[in-house]
């Protein structure tokens, strides 16, 4: 099956803090694109929820964005060596610092 994405995904591991149901959680990005990113984490927000997330960049800066959880994936224990728990966050709007950072990766 051909990949029909408009924006390519770029592999990059960054620490991500996000809030869901009044609690703060931590995860790592698996990949990023101009429209969002996938977060590897054991704490899965509900699909459809709108959440804030803060990316910790390698140079120490932080970028805060807001997005909608498009899908989440809970992997059975026997498959965790090849896949990870996590969720896809689609950005809710344009975030200049985020766009500039993603542009610098590709």
Protein backbone atom coordinates (compact mmCIF):
# COMPACT_ATOMS: atom_id res chain seq x y z
CA UNK A 1 0.00 0.00 0.00
CA UNK A 2 1.39 3.39 -0.98
CA UNK A 3 1.92 6.07 1.65
CA UNK A 4 -0.50 8.90 0.79
CA UNK A 5 0.71 11.39 3.41
CA UNK A 6 1.22 14.95 2.23
CA UNK A 7 3.97 15.61 4.79
CA UNK A 8 6.66 12.96 5.35
CA UNK A 9 7.28 11.65 8.84
CA UNK A 10 10.69 12.26 10.30
CA UNK A 11 12.13 9.96 12.95
CA UNK A 12 13.07 11.97 16.03
CA UNK A 13 13.03 11.06 19.71
CA UNK A 14 12.11 13.97 21.99
CA UNK A 15 10.69 14.01 25.51
CA UNK A 16 7.02 15.02 25.49
CA UNK A 17 4.94 16.13 28.47
CA UNK A 18 1.19 16.12 27.98
CA UNK A 19 -1.89 16.60 30.12
CA UNK A 20 -4.90 14.32 30.07
CA UNK A 21 -7.78 14.06 32.55
CA UNK A 22 -6.13 16.61 34.83
CA UNK A 23 -2.84 14.71 35.11
CA UNK A 24 0.56 15.31 33.52
CA UNK A 25 2.21 12.40 31.70
CA UNK A 26 5.50 11.86 29.89
CA UNK A 27 6.42 10.04 26.71
CA UNK A 28 8.73 10.23 23.69
CA UNK A 29 8.10 11.18 20.11
CA UNK A 30 8.54 8.37 17.62
CA UNK A 31 8.16 10.52 14.54
CA UNK A 32 7.09 14.03 13.61
CA UNK A 33 5.55 15.76 10.61
CA UNK A 34 4.38 19.31 9.98
CA UNK A 35 0.86 18.34 11.08
CA UNK A 36 1.58 16.32 14.22
CA UNK A 37 3.52 13.50 15.86
CA UNK A 38 3.27 10.05 17.43
CA UNK A 39 3.93 9.78 21.18
CA UNK A 40 5.21 6.53 22.69
CA UNK A 41 3.73 6.24 26.19
CA UNK A 42 1.82 3.92 28.49
CA UNK A 43 -0.67 6.72 29.34
CA UNK A 44 -3.16 6.89 26.48
CA UNK A 45 -5.54 9.87 26.23
CA UNK A 46 -8.97 9.19 24.76
CA UNK A 47 -9.21 9.49 20.96
CA UNK A 48 -10.92 12.76 20.06
CA UNK A 49 -9.68 14.58 23.15
CA UNK A 50 -7.87 17.89 22.75
CA UNK A 51 -4.71 18.09 24.85
CA UNK A 52 -1.68 20.34 25.37
CA UNK A 53 1.79 18.89 24.82
CA UNK A 54 5.26 20.28 25.44
CA UNK A 55 8.22 19.05 23.37
CA UNK A 56 11.68 19.23 24.95
CA UNK A 57 14.16 20.10 22.18
CA UNK A 58 17.81 18.94 22.21
CA UNK A 59 19.05 22.51 22.80
CA UNK A 60 16.96 22.85 25.97
CA UNK A 61 14.14 24.90 24.46
CA UNK A 62 10.54 23.80 24.87
CA UNK A 63 7.70 24.10 22.39
CA UNK A 64 4.11 23.90 23.61
CA UNK A 65 1.38 22.90 21.18
CA UNK A 66 -2.24 21.81 21.38
CA UNK A 67 -3.70 18.99 19.37
CA UNK A 68 -6.37 16.37 18.99
CA UNK A 69 -5.71 12.71 19.72
CA UNK A 70 -6.48 11.02 16.41
CA UNK A 71 -5.80 7.42 17.38
CA UNK A 72 -4.24 5.45 20.18
CA UNK A 73 -2.63 2.04 20.22
CA UNK A 74 -2.31 -0.33 23.16
CA UNK A 75 -0.05 -3.22 22.20
CA UNK A 76 -0.31 -6.69 23.79
CA UNK A 77 2.74 -7.56 25.93
CA UNK A 78 3.95 -10.25 23.50
CA UNK A 79 4.26 -7.67 20.68
CA UNK A 80 5.97 -4.85 22.61
CA UNK A 81 9.39 -5.76 21.23
CA UNK A 82 8.25 -4.76 17.74
CA UNK A 83 5.57 -2.11 18.46
CA UNK A 84 4.95 0.48 21.16
CA UNK A 85 1.94 1.82 23.03
CA UNK A 86 1.16 5.36 22.05
CA UNK A 87 -1.05 7.88 20.31
CA UNK A 88 -1.09 10.21 17.31
CA UNK A 89 -1.55 13.91 18.01
CA UNK A 90 -2.78 16.11 15.17
CA UNK A 91 -1.88 19.75 15.75
CA UNK A 92 -4.79 22.14 16.24
CA UNK A 93 -3.56 25.03 14.17
CA UNK A 94 -0.21 26.51 13.24
CA UNK A 95 2.64 26.71 15.75
CA UNK A 96 5.53 28.69 14.28
CA UNK A 97 8.28 27.33 16.57
CA UNK A 98 7.14 23.76 15.93
CA UNK A 99 7.02 24.27 12.16
CA UNK A 100 10.46 25.85 12.17
CA UNK A 101 11.90 22.95 14.22
CA UNK A 102 10.39 20.25 11.96
CA UNK A 103 11.65 22.16 8.91
CA UNK A 104 15.16 22.10 10.32
CA UNK A 105 15.11 18.28 10.50
CA UNK A 106 14.42 17.52 6.89
